[in-house]
Amino acid sequence: MSDFIDPLLRDLLAWIGPEGRSYADVMDAWRTSCPRLPIWEDANERGFVTRERIEGTSMVLVTRQGRSFLVQDQ
C-alpha cells in the first residue's frame, strides 16, 4: 500500500508548501471518505503535518519530519 500512499503524501506535502495552507483549504482539497486512501490521516499519524493558529486562522504546516520525507529519494 505504501507504493500508492507515499507518492500521494509527497503531493500533499508539496501542495501545502513552505508557507502552509489554511486548514479549510486542506480539508476542501484532501479530505476523503475512502478508507483505502486516508492521506490526510496518514500525514498526521506520521507527524508530517501540524496545525497552528496564525493570526486567527487555523493553518496546516509541514513539520521537519514531513520536509525530510518530501525530499527523500529525490
C-alpha atoms as a PDB file:
ATOM      1  CA  MET A   1       0.000   0.000   0.000  1.00  0.00           C
ATOM      2  CA  SER A   2       2.946   2.317   0.647  1.00  0.00           C
ATOM      3  CA  ASP A   3       3.605   2.294  -3.118  1.00  0.00           C
ATOM      4  CA  PHE A   4       0.317   4.177  -3.556  1.00  0.00           C
ATOM      5  CA  ILE A   5       0.251   6.277  -0.398  1.00  0.00           C
ATOM      6  CA  ASP A   6       3.812   7.643  -0.329  1.00  0.00           C
ATOM      7  CA  PRO A   7       3.525   9.496  -3.660  1.00  0.00           C
ATOM      8  CA  LEU A   8       0.201  10.985  -2.548  1.00  0.00           C
ATOM      9  CA  LEU A   9       1.741  12.027   0.765  1.00  0.00           C
ATOM     10  CA  ARG A  10       4.512  13.778  -1.161  1.00  0.00           C
ATOM     11  CA  ASP A  11       1.882  15.509  -3.322  1.00  0.00           C
ATOM     12  CA  LEU A  12       0.047  16.704  -0.192  1.00  0.00           C
ATOM     13  CA  LEU A  13       3.209  17.993   1.480  1.00  0.00           C
ATOM     14  CA  ALA A  14       4.386  19.752  -1.688  1.00  0.00           C
ATOM     15  CA  TRP A  15       0.931  21.301  -2.146  1.00  0.00           C
ATOM     16  CA  ILE A  16       0.930  22.615   1.427  1.00  0.00           C
ATOM     17  CA  GLY A  17       4.371  24.065   0.703  1.00  0.00           C
ATOM     18  CA  PRO A  18       6.717  26.007   2.940  1.00  0.00           C
ATOM     19  CA  GLU A  19       4.170  28.730   3.751  1.00  0.00           C
ATOM     20  CA  GLY A  20       1.408  26.347   4.824  1.00  0.00           C
ATOM     21  CA  ARG A  21      -2.236  26.384   3.860  1.00  0.00           C
ATOM     22  CA  SER A  22      -5.390  27.090   5.799  1.00  0.00           C
ATOM     23  CA  TYR A  23      -6.973  24.065   7.403  1.00  0.00           C
ATOM     24  CA  ALA A  24     -10.183  24.794   5.473  1.00  0.00           C
ATOM     25  CA  ASP A  25      -8.313  24.717   2.141  1.00  0.00           C
ATOM     26  CA  VAL A  26      -6.563  21.463   3.056  1.00  0.00           C
ATOM     27  CA  MET A  27      -9.838  19.815   4.028  1.00  0.00           C
ATOM     28  CA  ASP A  28     -11.541  21.013   0.833  1.00  0.00           C
ATOM     29  CA  ALA A  29      -8.771  19.567  -1.309  1.00  0.00           C
ATOM     30  CA  TRP A  30      -7.588  16.468   0.584  1.00  0.00           C
ATOM     31  CA  ARG A  31     -10.320  15.100   2.840  1.00  0.00           C
ATOM     32  CA  THR A  32     -11.616  11.758   1.645  1.00  0.00           C
ATOM     33  CA  SER A  33     -14.057   9.186   2.897  1.00  0.00           C
ATOM     34  CA  CYS A  34     -12.156   6.409   1.135  1.00  0.00           C
ATOM     35  CA  PRO A  35     -10.744   4.084   3.810  1.00  0.00           C
ATOM     36  CA  ARG A  36      -8.047   2.898   1.415  1.00  0.00           C
ATOM     37  CA  LEU A  37      -6.548   6.342   0.776  1.00  0.00           C
ATOM     38  CA  PRO A  38      -6.574   8.242   4.069  1.00  0.00           C
ATOM     39  CA  ILE A  39      -3.792  10.611   3.004  1.00  0.00           C
ATOM     40  CA  TRP A  40      -4.632  13.373   5.490  1.00  0.00           C
ATOM     41  CA  GLU A  41      -4.848  10.869   8.352  1.00  0.00           C
ATOM     42  CA  ASP A  42      -1.579   9.187   7.338  1.00  0.00           C
ATOM     43  CA  ALA A  43       0.204  12.541   7.194  1.00  0.00           C
ATOM     44  CA  ASN A  44      -0.990  13.310  10.723  1.00  0.00           C
ATOM     45  CA  GLU A  45      -0.134   9.875  12.111  1.00  0.00           C
ATOM     46  CA  ARG A  46       3.391  10.027  10.671  1.00  0.00           C
ATOM     47  CA  GLY A  47       3.930  13.501  12.121  1.00  0.00           C
ATOM     48  CA  PHE A  48       4.355  15.116   8.699  1.00  0.00           C
ATOM     49  CA  VAL A  49       1.914  17.972   9.349  1.00  0.00           C
ATOM     50  CA  THR A  50       0.832  20.106  12.266  1.00  0.00           C
ATOM     51  CA  ARG A  51      -1.948  22.602  12.844  1.00  0.00           C
ATOM     52  CA  GLU A  52      -1.303  26.036  14.312  1.00  0.00           C
ATOM     53  CA  ARG A  53      -3.448  29.110  14.757  1.00  0.00           C
ATOM     54  CA  ILE A  54      -1.786  32.035  12.992  1.00  0.00           C
ATOM     55  CA  GLU A  55      -3.441  35.444  13.100  1.00  0.00           C
ATOM     56  CA  GLY A  56      -6.778  33.837  13.920  1.00  0.00           C
ATOM     57  CA  THR A  57      -6.641  31.276  11.111  1.00  0.00           C
ATOM     58  CA  SER A  58      -6.126  27.564  11.611  1.00  0.00           C
ATOM     59  CA  MET A  59      -3.142  26.705   9.419  1.00  0.00           C
ATOM     60  CA  VAL A  60      -1.581  23.406   8.354  1.00  0.00           C
ATOM     61  CA  LEU A  61       2.213  23.383   8.239  1.00  0.00           C
ATOM     62  CA  VAL A  62       4.693  20.742   7.117  1.00  0.00           C
ATOM     63  CA  THR A  63       6.866  19.532  10.006  1.00  0.00           C
ATOM     64  CA  ARG A  64      10.593  18.779   9.922  1.00  0.00           C
ATOM     65  CA  GLN A  65       9.715  15.080   9.500  1.00  0.00           C
ATOM     66  CA  GLY A  66       7.425  15.992   6.617  1.00  0.00           C
ATOM     67  CA  ARG A  67      10.111  18.043   4.893  1.00  0.00           C
ATOM     68  CA  SER A  68      12.593  15.172   5.289  1.00  0.00           C
ATOM     69  CA  PHE A  69      10.078  12.723   3.814  1.00  0.00           C
ATOM     70  CA  LEU A  70       9.366  15.105   0.939  1.00  0.00           C
ATOM     71  CA  VAL A  71      12.999  15.286  -0.199  1.00  0.00           C
ATOM     72  CA  GLN A  72      13.721  11.595   0.411  1.00  0.00           C
ATOM     73  CA  ASP A  73      14.501   9.629  -2.781  1.00  0.00           C
ATOM     74  CA  GLN A  74      14.976  12.726  -4.925  1.00  0.00           C
END
